[in-house]
Amino acid sequence: MIGLIFSFGTELVEVRIEGKKVYFRNSNLQQFATIEGIKLSEAGAIREFPDLKGNKEWRKIVIERFKEKIKAMKTEEEISKYIINDLKKYGYVPMYKKRKGFRPEKIK
């Protein structure tokens, strides 16, 4: 299990990676949610996948592409690096990374 903490404006966002499963939580939520349970921006999705412009099923397709990308990765570490780099593009500032059983370390 790997936990990541990001800041986004005044909000904290936590990402938990357990094997091939990825969960998200912001400072307003009490529990973790899968990608299906979080709010996605249509503008951000179209910026990442221009082929979805005008597609009414954009949300479903983005979620499926995310899941396929995660399945293709071999380790939790590889998944964590992908998520850190991807969220940085959208203004999320990586703060801490915690591996199961270890103290949190600052992300550089």
PDB file of N, CA and C in Angstrom:
ATOM      1  N   MET A   1       0.833  -1.170   0.000  1.00  0.00           N
ATOM      2  CA  MET A   1       0.000   0.000   0.000  1.00  0.00           C
ATOM      3  C   MET A   1       0.886   1.246   0.000  1.00  0.00           C
ATOM      4  N   ILE A   2       0.534   2.192  -0.862  1.00  0.00           N
ATOM      5  CA  ILE A   2       1.236   3.472  -0.918  1.00  0.00           C
ATOM      6  C   ILE A   2       0.188   4.567  -0.789  1.00  0.00           C
ATOM      7  N   GLY A   3       0.463   5.533   0.065  1.00  0.00           N
ATOM      8  CA  GLY A   3      -0.411   6.688   0.226  1.00  0.00           C
ATOM      9  C   GLY A   3       0.302   7.938  -0.262  1.00  0.00           C
ATOM     10  N   LEU A   4      -0.415   8.789  -0.983  1.00  0.00           N
ATOM     11  CA  LEU A   4       0.124  10.048  -1.483  1.00  0.00           C
ATOM     12  C   LEU A   4      -0.747  11.188  -0.986  1.00  0.00           C
ATOM     13  N   ILE A   5      -0.134  12.292  -0.620  1.00  0.00           N
ATOM     14  CA  ILE A   5      -0.888  13.471  -0.205  1.00  0.00           C
ATOM     15  C   ILE A   5      -0.469  14.643  -1.075  1.00  0.00           C
ATOM     16  N   PHE A   6      -1.482  15.338  -1.621  1.00  0.00           N
ATOM     17  CA  PHE A   6      -1.292  16.495  -2.483  1.00  0.00           C
ATOM     18  C   PHE A   6      -2.028  17.682  -1.884  1.00  0.00           C
ATOM     19  N   SER A   7      -1.547  18.872  -2.192  1.00  0.00           N
ATOM     20  CA  SER A   7      -2.339  20.063  -1.879  1.00  0.00           C
ATOM     21  C   SER A   7      -2.848  20.627  -3.197  1.00  0.00           C
ATOM     22  N   PHE A   8      -4.062  21.154  -3.149  1.00  0.00           N
ATOM     23  CA  PHE A   8      -4.676  21.779  -4.321  1.00  0.00           C
ATOM     24  C   PHE A   8      -5.417  22.999  -3.797  1.00  0.00           C
ATOM     25  N   GLY A   9      -4.760  24.148  -3.881  1.00  0.00           N
ATOM     26  CA  GLY A   9      -5.309  25.355  -3.267  1.00  0.00           C
ATOM     27  C   GLY A   9      -5.300  25.182  -1.758  1.00  0.00           C
ATOM     28  N   THR A  10      -6.455  25.322  -1.136  1.00  0.00           N
ATOM     29  CA  THR A  10      -6.552  25.157   0.318  1.00  0.00           C
ATOM     30  C   THR A  10      -6.960  23.742   0.709  1.00  0.00           C
ATOM     31  N   GLU A  11      -7.129  22.891  -0.255  1.00  0.00           N
ATOM     32  CA  GLU A  11      -7.623  21.541  -0.023  1.00  0.00           C
ATOM     33  C   GLU A  11      -6.484  20.528  -0.037  1.00  0.00           C
ATOM     34  N   LEU A  12      -6.622  19.488   0.769  1.00  0.00           N
ATOM     35  CA  LEU A  12      -5.692  18.359   0.732  1.00  0.00           C
ATOM     36  C   LEU A  12      -6.376  17.191   0.043  1.00  0.00           C
ATOM     37  N   VAL A  13      -5.638  16.500  -0.805  1.00  0.00           N
ATOM     38  CA  VAL A  13      -6.154  15.346  -1.531  1.00  0.00           C
ATOM     39  C   VAL A  13      -5.245  14.165  -1.215  1.00  0.00           C
ATOM     40  N   GLU A  14      -5.870  13.055  -0.856  1.00  0.00           N
ATOM     41  CA  GLU A  14      -5.111  11.850  -0.539  1.00  0.00           C
ATOM     42  C   GLU A  14      -5.427  10.774  -1.565  1.00  0.00           C
ATOM     43  N   VAL A  15      -4.392  10.091  -2.019  1.00  0.00           N
ATOM     44  CA  VAL A  15      -4.538   8.989  -2.968  1.00  0.00           C
ATOM     45  C   VAL A  15      -3.950   7.746  -2.310  1.00  0.00           C
ATOM     46  N   ARG A  16      -4.696   6.675  -2.343  1.00  0.00           N
ATOM     47  CA  ARG A  16      -4.222   5.409  -1.769  1.00  0.00           C
ATOM     48  C   ARG A  16      -4.156   4.378  -2.882  1.00  0.00           C
ATOM     49  N   ILE A  17      -3.006   3.718  -2.976  1.00  0.00           N
ATOM     50  CA  ILE A  17      -2.787   2.694  -3.999  1.00  0.00           C
ATOM     51  C   ILE A  17      -2.635   1.355  -3.286  1.00  0.00           C
ATOM     52  N   GLU A  18      -3.534   0.432  -3.590  1.00  0.00           N
ATOM     53  CA  GLU A  18      -3.487  -0.906  -2.997  1.00  0.00           C
ATOM     54  C   GLU A  18      -3.482  -1.919  -4.140  1.00  0.00           C
ATOM     55  N   GLY A  19      -2.311  -2.366  -4.496  1.00  0.00           N
ATOM     56  CA  GLY A  19      -2.194  -3.270  -5.648  1.00  0.00           C
ATOM     57  C   GLY A  19      -2.532  -2.507  -6.913  1.00  0.00           C
ATOM     58  N   LYS A  20      -3.551  -2.952  -7.628  1.00  0.00           N
ATOM     59  CA  LYS A  20      -3.990  -2.284  -8.862  1.00  0.00           C
ATOM     60  C   LYS A  20      -5.203  -1.385  -8.610  1.00  0.00           C
ATOM     61  N   LYS A  21      -5.583  -1.209  -7.348  1.00  0.00           N
ATOM     62  CA  LYS A  21      -6.734  -0.363  -7.016  1.00  0.00           C
ATOM     63  C   LYS A  21      -6.241   0.992  -6.524  1.00  0.00           C
ATOM     64  N   VAL A  22      -6.903   2.047  -7.003  1.00  0.00           N
ATOM     65  CA  VAL A  22      -6.535   3.411  -6.637  1.00  0.00           C
ATOM     66  C   VAL A  22      -7.767   4.084  -6.039  1.00  0.00           C
ATOM     67  N   TYR A  23      -7.594   4.679  -4.857  1.00  0.00           N
ATOM     68  CA  TYR A  23      -8.681   5.358  -4.156  1.00  0.00           C
ATOM     69  C   TYR A  23      -8.306   6.821  -3.934  1.00  0.00           C
ATOM     70  N   PHE A  24      -9.325   7.682  -3.912  1.00  0.00           N
ATOM     71  CA  PHE A  24      -9.115   9.115  -3.761  1.00  0.00           C
ATOM     72  C   PHE A  24      -9.962   9.640  -2.605  1.00  0.00           C
ATOM     73  N   ARG A  25      -9.442  10.692  -1.938  1.00  0.00           N
ATOM     74  CA  ARG A  25     -10.203  11.354  -0.880  1.00  0.00           C
ATOM     75  C   ARG A  25      -9.695  12.781  -0.768  1.00  0.00           C
ATOM     76  N   ASN A  26     -10.622  13.741  -0.643  1.00  0.00           N
ATOM     77  CA  ASN A  26     -10.180  15.106  -0.375  1.00  0.00           C
ATOM     78  C   ASN A  26     -10.505  15.460   1.064  1.00  0.00           C
ATOM     79  N   SER A  27     -10.113  16.631   1.496  1.00  0.00           N
ATOM     80  CA  SER A  27     -10.263  16.993   2.901  1.00  0.00           C
ATOM     81  C   SER A  27     -11.724  17.123   3.322  1.00  0.00           C
ATOM     82  N   ASN A  28     -12.654  17.165   2.375  1.00  0.00           N
ATOM     83  CA  ASN A  28     -14.074  17.273   2.707  1.00  0.00           C
ATOM     84  C   ASN A  28     -14.734  15.919   2.920  1.00  0.00           C
ATOM     85  N   LEU A  29     -14.138  14.860   2.399  1.00  0.00           N
ATOM     86  CA  LEU A  29     -14.761  13.537   2.464  1.00  0.00           C
ATOM     87  C   LEU A  29     -14.231  12.721   3.630  1.00  0.00           C
ATOM     88  N   GLN A  30     -15.099  11.890   4.183  1.00  0.00           N
ATOM     89  CA  GLN A  30     -14.730  11.029   5.295  1.00  0.00           C
ATOM     90  C   GLN A  30     -14.114   9.714   4.830  1.00  0.00           C
ATOM     91  N   GLN A  31     -14.503   9.267   3.640  1.00  0.00           N
ATOM     92  CA  GLN A  31     -14.028   7.969   3.181  1.00  0.00           C
ATOM     93  C   GLN A  31     -13.457   8.052   1.768  1.00  0.00           C
ATOM     94  N   PHE A  32     -12.711   7.036   1.407  1.00  0.00           N
ATOM     95  CA  PHE A  32     -12.097   6.984   0.088  1.00  0.00           C
ATOM     96  C   PHE A  32     -13.130   6.572  -0.956  1.00  0.00           C
ATOM     97  N   ALA A  33     -12.906   7.041  -2.190  1.00  0.00           N
ATOM     98  CA  ALA A  33     -13.762   6.680  -3.311  1.00  0.00           C
ATOM     99  C   ALA A  33     -12.880   6.229  -4.467  1.00  0.00           C
ATOM    100  N   THR A  34     -13.421   5.353  -5.291  1.00  0.00           N
ATOM    101  CA  THR A  34     -12.712   4.962  -6.509  1.00  0.00           C
ATOM    102  C   THR A  34     -12.882   6.093  -7.517  1.00  0.00           C
ATOM    103  N   ILE A  35     -12.272   5.951  -8.668  1.00  0.00           N
ATOM    104  CA  ILE A  35     -12.372   7.004  -9.685  1.00  0.00           C
ATOM    105  C   ILE A  35     -13.825   7.226 -10.121  1.00  0.00           C
ATOM    106  N   GLU A  36     -14.655   6.195 -10.016  1.00  0.00           N
ATOM    107  CA  GLU A  36     -16.063   6.355 -10.378  1.00  0.00           C
ATOM    108  C   GLU A  36     -16.780   7.322  -9.449  1.00  0.00           C
ATOM    109  N   GLY A  37     -16.304   7.435  -8.215  1.00  0.00           N
ATOM    110  CA  GLY A  37     -16.981   8.256  -7.215  1.00  0.00           C
ATOM    111  C   GLY A  37     -16.474   9.674  -7.085  1.00  0.00           C
ATOM    112  N   ILE A  38     -15.496  10.059  -7.893  1.00  0.00           N
ATOM    113  CA  ILE A  38     -14.970  11.422  -7.765  1.00  0.00           C
ATOM    114  C   ILE A  38     -15.468  12.306  -8.902  1.00  0.00           C
ATOM    115  N   LYS A  39     -15.376  13.598  -8.661  1.00  0.00           N
ATOM    116  CA  LYS A  39     -15.807  14.575  -9.647  1.00  0.00           C
ATOM    117  C   LYS A  39     -14.712  14.727 -10.696  1.00  0.00           C
ATOM    118  N   LEU A  40     -15.099  14.615 -11.957  1.00  0.00           N
ATOM    119  CA  LEU A  40     -14.154  14.777 -13.064  1.00  0.00           C
ATOM    120  C   LEU A  40     -14.542  16.006 -13.873  1.00  0.00           C
ATOM    121  N   SER A  41     -13.556  16.715 -14.349  1.00  0.00           N
ATOM    122  CA  SER A  41     -13.788  17.898 -15.159  1.00  0.00           C
ATOM    123  C   SER A  41     -13.840  17.499 -16.636  1.00  0.00           C
ATOM    124  N   GLU A  42     -14.909  17.887 -17.311  1.00  0.00           N
ATOM    125  CA  GLU A  42     -15.019  17.582 -18.730  1.00  0.00           C
ATOM    126  C   GLU A  42     -13.930  18.304 -19.516  1.00  0.00           C
ATOM    127  N   ALA A  43     -13.649  19.561 -19.141  1.00  0.00           N
ATOM    128  CA  ALA A  43     -12.603  20.327 -19.832  1.00  0.00           C
ATOM    129  C   ALA A  43     -11.241  19.661 -19.658  1.00  0.00           C
ATOM    130  N   GLY A  44     -10.952  19.183 -18.455  1.00  0.00           N
ATOM    131  CA  GLY A  44      -9.687  18.496 -18.203  1.00  0.00           C
ATOM    132  C   GLY A  44      -9.598  17.185 -18.958  1.00  0.00           C
ATOM    133  N   ALA A  45     -10.715  16.466 -19.031  1.00  0.00           N
ATOM    134  CA  ALA A  45     -10.737  15.192 -19.753  1.00  0.00           C
ATOM    135  C   ALA A  45     -10.493  15.417 -21.239  1.00  0.00           C
ATOM    136  N   ILE A  46     -11.092  16.457 -21.791  1.00  0.00           N
ATOM    137  CA  ILE A  46     -10.921  16.747 -23.220  1.00  0.00           C
ATOM    138  C   ILE A  46      -9.508  17.246 -23.510  1.00  0.00           C
ATOM    139  N   ARG A  47      -8.915  17.966 -22.551  1.00  0.00           N
ATOM    140  CA  ARG A  47      -7.527  18.408 -22.725  1.00  0.00           C
ATOM    141  C   ARG A  47      -6.593  17.201 -22.771  1.00  0.00           C
ATOM    142  N   GLU A  48      -6.882  16.204 -21.953  1.00  0.00           N
ATOM    143  CA  GLU A  48      -6.058  14.997 -21.918  1.00  0.00           C
ATOM    144  C   GLU A  48      -6.355  14.081 -23.114  1.00  0.00           C
ATOM    145  N   PHE A  49      -7.625  14.004 -23.496  1.00  0.00           N
ATOM    146  CA  PHE A  49      -8.062  13.136 -24.595  1.00  0.00           C
ATOM    147  C   PHE A  49      -8.903  13.949 -25.575  1.00  0.00           C
ATOM    148  N   PRO A  50      -8.270  14.662 -26.501  1.00  0.00           N
ATOM    149  CA  PRO A  50      -9.014  15.518 -27.440  1.00  0.00           C
ATOM    150  C   PRO A  50     -10.039  14.762 -28.289  1.00  0.00           C
ATOM    151  N   ASP A  51      -9.845  13.480 -28.488  1.00  0.00           N
ATOM    152  CA  ASP A  51     -10.785  12.704 -29.294  1.00  0.00           C
ATOM    153  C   ASP A  51     -12.166  12.569 -28.639  1.00  0.00           C
ATOM    154  N   LEU A  52     -12.297  12.942 -27.364  1.00  0.00           N
ATOM    155  CA  LEU A  52     -13.573  12.817 -26.666  1.00  0.00           C
ATOM    156  C   LEU A  52     -14.454  14.068 -26.779  1.00  0.00           C
ATOM    157  N   LYS A  53     -13.957  15.088 -27.465  1.00  0.00           N
ATOM    158  CA  LYS A  53     -14.734  16.324 -27.600  1.00  0.00           C
ATOM    159  C   LYS A  53     -16.064  16.026 -28.294  1.00  0.00           C
ATOM    160  N   GLY A  54     -17.155  16.432 -27.645  1.00  0.00           N
ATOM    161  CA  GLY A  54     -18.483  16.211 -28.192  1.00  0.00           C
ATOM    162  C   GLY A  54     -19.071  14.838 -27.898  1.00  0.00           C
ATOM    163  N   ASN A  55     -18.305  13.961 -27.283  1.00  0.00           N
ATOM    164  CA  ASN A  55     -18.774  12.618 -26.958  1.00  0.00           C
ATOM    165  C   ASN A  55     -19.544  12.658 -25.639  1.00  0.00           C
ATOM    166  N   LYS A  56     -20.794  12.221 -25.660  1.00  0.00           N
ATOM    167  CA  LYS A  56     -21.624  12.249 -24.458  1.00  0.00           C
ATOM    168  C   LYS A  56     -21.192  11.210 -23.424  1.00  0.00           C
ATOM    169  N   GLU A  57     -20.446  10.245 -23.830  1.00  0.00           N
ATOM    170  CA  GLU A  57     -19.971   9.183 -22.940  1.00  0.00           C
ATOM    171  C   GLU A  57     -18.546   9.459 -22.448  1.00  0.00           C
ATOM    172  N   TRP A  58     -18.089  10.702 -22.467  1.00  0.00           N
ATOM    173  CA  TRP A  58     -16.701  11.047 -22.135  1.00  0.00           C
ATOM    174  C   TRP A  58     -16.291  10.535 -20.761  1.00  0.00           C
ATOM    175  N   ARG A  59     -17.151  10.690 -19.763  1.00  0.00           N
ATOM    176  CA  ARG A  59     -16.804  10.283 -18.403  1.00  0.00           C
ATOM    177  C   ARG A  59     -16.529   8.781 -18.324  1.00  0.00           C
ATOM    178  N   LYS A  60     -17.403   7.992 -18.900  1.00  0.00           N
ATOM    179  CA  LYS A  60     -17.256   6.536 -18.895  1.00  0.00           C
ATOM    180  C   LYS A  60     -15.965   6.120 -19.600  1.00  0.00           C
ATOM    181  N   ILE A  61     -15.664   6.764 -20.710  1.00  0.00           N
ATOM    182  CA  ILE A  61     -14.463   6.433 -21.483  1.00  0.00           C
ATOM    183  C   ILE A  61     -13.199   6.825 -20.719  1.00  0.00           C
ATOM    184  N   VAL A  62     -13.204   7.997 -20.083  1.00  0.00           N
ATOM    185  CA  VAL A  62     -12.034   8.440 -19.302  1.00  0.00           C
ATOM    186  C   VAL A  62     -11.764   7.468 -18.159  1.00  0.00           C
ATOM    187  N   ILE A  63     -12.804   7.061 -17.466  1.00  0.00           N
ATOM    188  CA  ILE A  63     -12.639   6.110 -16.352  1.00  0.00           C
ATOM    189  C   ILE A  63     -12.069   4.790 -16.864  1.00  0.00           C
ATOM    190  N   GLU A  64     -12.571   4.310 -17.979  1.00  0.00           N
ATOM    191  CA  GLU A  64     -12.081   3.048 -18.547  1.00  0.00           C
ATOM    192  C   GLU A  64     -10.603   3.166 -18.965  1.00  0.00           C
ATOM    193  N   ARG A  65     -10.245   4.285 -19.565  1.00  0.00           N
ATOM    194  CA  ARG A  65      -8.845   4.486 -19.973  1.00  0.00           C
ATOM    195  C   ARG A  65      -7.925   4.547 -18.758  1.00  0.00           C
ATOM    196  N   PHE A  66      -8.382   5.201 -17.684  1.00  0.00           N
ATOM    197  CA  PHE A  66      -7.585   5.262 -16.457  1.00  0.00           C
ATOM    198  C   PHE A  66      -7.364   3.860 -15.901  1.00  0.00           C
ATOM    199  N   LYS A  67      -8.426   3.076 -15.839  1.00  0.00           N
ATOM    200  CA  LYS A  67      -8.312   1.712 -15.312  1.00  0.00           C
ATOM    201  C   LYS A  67      -7.367   0.856 -16.155  1.00  0.00           C
ATOM    202  N   GLU A  68      -7.458   0.986 -17.477  1.00  0.00           N
ATOM    203  CA  GLU A  68      -6.578   0.226 -18.361  1.00  0.00           C
ATOM    204  C   GLU A  68      -5.115   0.638 -18.166  1.00  0.00           C
ATOM    205  N   LYS A  69      -4.879   1.924 -18.004  1.00  0.00           N
ATOM    206  CA  LYS A  69      -3.519   2.425 -17.781  1.00  0.00           C
ATOM    207  C   LYS A  69      -2.942   1.834 -16.494  1.00  0.00           C
ATOM    208  N   ILE A  70      -3.756   1.831 -15.427  1.00  0.00           N
ATOM    209  CA  ILE A  70      -3.311   1.288 -14.141  1.00  0.00           C
ATOM    210  C   ILE A  70      -3.047  -0.218 -14.251  1.00  0.00           C
ATOM    211  N   LYS A  71      -3.912  -0.952 -14.927  1.00  0.00           N
ATOM    212  CA  LYS A  71      -3.730  -2.404 -15.089  1.00  0.00           C
ATOM    213  C   LYS A  71      -2.440  -2.738 -15.818  1.00  0.00           C
ATOM    214  N   ALA A  72      -2.018  -1.857 -16.731  1.00  0.00           N
ATOM    215  CA  ALA A  72      -0.817  -2.110 -17.523  1.00  0.00           C
ATOM    216  C   ALA A  72       0.463  -1.918 -16.711  1.00  0.00           C
ATOM    217  N   MET A  73       0.368  -1.239 -15.587  1.00  0.00           N
ATOM    218  CA  MET A  73       1.557  -0.994 -14.768  1.00  0.00           C
ATOM    219  C   MET A  73       1.823  -2.191 -13.868  1.00  0.00           C
ATOM    220  N   LYS A  74       3.113  -2.411 -13.598  1.00  0.00           N
ATOM    221  CA  LYS A  74       3.501  -3.627 -12.893  1.00  0.00           C
ATOM    222  C   LYS A  74       3.517  -3.489 -11.376  1.00  0.00           C
ATOM    223  N   THR A  75       3.893  -2.313 -10.853  1.00  0.00           N
ATOM    224  CA  THR A  75       4.060  -2.176  -9.411  1.00  0.00           C
ATOM    225  C   THR A  75       3.312  -0.957  -8.871  1.00  0.00           C
ATOM    226  N   GLU A  76       3.096  -0.966  -7.554  1.00  0.00           N
ATOM    227  CA  GLU A  76       2.479   0.188  -6.901  1.00  0.00           C
ATOM    228  C   GLU A  76       3.364   1.427  -7.054  1.00  0.00           C
ATOM    229  N   GLU A  77       4.664   1.229  -7.033  1.00  0.00           N
ATOM    230  CA  GLU A  77       5.608   2.345  -7.188  1.00  0.00           C
ATOM    231  C   GLU A  77       5.451   2.999  -8.560  1.00  0.00           C
ATOM    232  N   GLU A  78       5.309   2.190  -9.582  1.00  0.00           N
ATOM    233  CA  GLU A  78       5.113   2.709 -10.938  1.00  0.00           C
ATOM    234  C   GLU A  78       3.793   3.491 -11.027  1.00  0.00           C
ATOM    235  N   ILE A  79       2.755   2.961 -10.399  1.00  0.00           N
ATOM    236  CA  ILE A  79       1.458   3.641 -10.375  1.00  0.00           C
ATOM    237  C   ILE A  79       1.573   4.977  -9.645  1.00  0.00           C
ATOM    238  N   SER A  80       2.290   4.986  -8.522  1.00  0.00           N
ATOM    239  CA  SER A  80       2.424   6.229  -7.751  1.00  0.00           C
ATOM    240  C   SER A  80       3.170   7.301  -8.547  1.00  0.00           C
ATOM    241  N   LYS A  81       4.210   6.923  -9.271  1.00  0.00           N
ATOM    242  CA  LYS A  81       4.944   7.885 -10.098  1.00  0.00           C
ATOM    243  C   LYS A  81       4.051   8.452 -11.199  1.00  0.00           C
ATOM    244  N   TYR A  82       3.244   7.595 -11.808  1.00  0.00           N
ATOM    245  CA  TYR A  82       2.314   8.046 -12.851  1.00  0.00           C
ATOM    246  C   TYR A  82       1.309   9.054 -12.276  1.00  0.00           C
ATOM    247  N   ILE A  83       0.730   8.739 -11.123  1.00  0.00           N
ATOM    248  CA  ILE A  83      -0.271   9.627 -10.526  1.00  0.00           C
ATOM    249  C   ILE A  83       0.354  10.953 -10.110  1.00  0.00           C
ATOM    250  N   ILE A  84       1.550  10.921  -9.535  1.00  0.00           N
ATOM    251  CA  ILE A  84       2.229  12.167  -9.153  1.00  0.00           C
ATOM    252  C   ILE A  84       2.452  13.041 -10.386  1.00  0.00           C
ATOM    253  N   ASN A  85       3.001  12.468 -11.438  1.00  0.00           N
ATOM    254  CA  ASN A  85       3.268  13.247 -12.658  1.00  0.00           C
ATOM    255  C   ASN A  85       1.989  13.737 -13.317  1.00  0.00           C
ATOM    256  N   ASP A  86       0.952  12.912 -13.303  1.00  0.00           N
ATOM    257  CA  ASP A  86      -0.304  13.301 -13.945  1.00  0.00           C
ATOM    258  C   ASP A  86      -0.997  14.424 -13.174  1.00  0.00           C
ATOM    259  N   LEU A  87      -1.066  14.317 -11.861  1.00  0.00           N
ATOM    260  CA  LEU A  87      -1.754  15.351 -11.080  1.00  0.00           C
ATOM    261  C   LEU A  87      -0.978  16.671 -11.046  1.00  0.00           C
ATOM    262  N   LYS A  88       0.344  16.600 -11.159  1.00  0.00           N
ATOM    263  CA  LYS A  88       1.152  17.823 -11.218  1.00  0.00           C
ATOM    264  C   LYS A  88       0.728  18.701 -12.387  1.00  0.00           C
ATOM    265  N   LYS A  89       0.375  18.075 -13.515  1.00  0.00           N
ATOM    266  CA  LYS A  89      -0.034  18.817 -14.709  1.00  0.00           C
ATOM    267  C   LYS A  89      -1.257  19.678 -14.451  1.00  0.00           C
ATOM    268  N   TYR A  90      -2.067  19.293 -13.487  1.00  0.00           N
ATOM    269  CA  TYR A  90      -3.324  19.990 -13.230  1.00  0.00           C
ATOM    270  C   TYR A  90      -3.265  20.865 -11.976  1.00  0.00           C
ATOM    271  N   GLY A  91      -2.067  21.154 -11.496  1.00  0.00           N
ATOM    272  CA  GLY A  91      -1.910  22.082 -10.384  1.00  0.00           C
ATOM    273  C   GLY A  91      -1.880  21.463  -9.001  1.00  0.00           C
ATOM    274  N   TYR A  92      -1.904  20.150  -8.908  1.00  0.00           N
ATOM    275  CA  TYR A  92      -1.792  19.494  -7.608  1.00  0.00           C
ATOM    276  C   TYR A  92      -0.322  19.478  -7.202  1.00  0.00           C
ATOM    277  N   VAL A  93      -0.058  19.829  -5.956  1.00  0.00           N
ATOM    278  CA  VAL A  93       1.321  19.882  -5.465  1.00  0.00           C
ATOM    279  C   VAL A  93       1.566  18.654  -4.588  1.00  0.00           C
ATOM    280  N   PRO A  94       2.459  17.754  -5.026  1.00  0.00           N
ATOM    281  CA  PRO A  94       2.741  16.559  -4.220  1.00  0.00           C
ATOM    282  C   PRO A  94       3.471  16.938  -2.935  1.00  0.00           C
ATOM    283  N   MET A  95       3.003  16.399  -1.811  1.00  0.00           N
ATOM    284  CA  MET A  95       3.594  16.734  -0.519  1.00  0.00           C
ATOM    285  C   MET A  95       4.295  15.538   0.130  1.00  0.00           C
ATOM    286  N   TYR A  96       3.527  14.460   0.358  1.00  0.00           N
ATOM    287  CA  TYR A  96       4.076  13.317   1.080  1.00  0.00           C
ATOM    288  C   TYR A  96       3.721  12.000   0.405  1.00  0.00           C
ATOM    289  N   LYS A  97       4.602  11.034   0.653  1.00  0.00           N
ATOM    290  CA  LYS A  97       4.390   9.669   0.167  1.00  0.00           C
ATOM    291  C   LYS A  97       4.646   8.746   1.348  1.00  0.00           C
ATOM    292  N   LYS A  98       3.737   7.815   1.557  1.00  0.00           N
ATOM    293  CA  LYS A  98       3.900   6.876   2.664  1.00  0.00           C
ATOM    294  C   LYS A  98       3.730   5.460   2.154  1.00  0.00           C
ATOM    295  N   ARG A  99       4.741   4.665   2.400  1.00  0.00           N
ATOM    296  CA  ARG A  99       4.669   3.243   2.053  1.00  0.00           C
ATOM    297  C   ARG A  99       4.273   2.476   3.296  1.00  0.00           C
ATOM    298  N   LYS A 100       3.580   1.393   3.090  1.00  0.00           N
ATOM    299  CA  LYS A 100       3.077   0.594   4.207  1.00  0.00           C
ATOM    300  C   LYS A 100       4.180   0.294   5.212  1.00  0.00           C
ATOM    301  N   GLY A 101       3.918   0.676   6.449  1.00  0.00           N
ATOM    302  CA  GLY A 101       4.860   0.380   7.525  1.00  0.00           C
ATOM    303  C   GLY A 101       5.996   1.360   7.682  1.00  0.00           C
ATOM    304  N   PHE A 102       6.101   2.373   6.838  1.00  0.00           N
ATOM    305  CA  PHE A 102       7.175   3.347   6.926  1.00  0.00           C
ATOM    306  C   PHE A 102       6.614   4.731   7.222  1.00  0.00           C
ATOM    307  N   ARG A 103       7.481   5.594   7.707  1.00  0.00           N
ATOM    308  CA  ARG A 103       7.090   6.972   7.965  1.00  0.00           C
ATOM    309  C   ARG A 103       6.904   7.715   6.647  1.00  0.00           C
ATOM    310  N   PRO A 104       6.042   8.727   6.647  1.00  0.00           N
ATOM    311  CA  PRO A 104       5.857   9.514   5.421  1.00  0.00           C
ATOM    312  C   PRO A 104       7.151  10.217   5.034  1.00  0.00           C
ATOM    313  N   GLU A 105       7.397  10.302   3.740  1.00  0.00           N
ATOM    314  CA  GLU A 105       8.574  11.022   3.237  1.00  0.00           C
ATOM    315  C   GLU A 105       8.101  12.146   2.335  1.00  0.00           C
ATOM    316  N   LYS A 106       8.794  13.245   2.372  1.00  0.00           N
ATOM    317  CA  LYS A 106       8.441  14.405   1.572  1.00  0.00           C
ATOM    318  C   LYS A 106       8.748  14.102   0.104  1.00  0.00           C
ATOM    319  N   ILE A 107       7.815  14.457  -0.780  1.00  0.00           N
ATOM    320  CA  ILE A 107       8.021  14.254  -2.209  1.00  0.00           C
ATOM    321  C   ILE A 107       8.731  15.489  -2.756  1.00  0.00           C
ATOM    322  N   LYS A 108       9.817  15.249  -3.472  1.00  0.00           N
ATOM    323  CA  LYS A 108      10.605  16.357  -4.009  1.00  0.00           C
ATOM    324  C   LYS A 108      10.167  16.721  -5.392  1.00  0.00           C
TER     325      LYS A 108
END
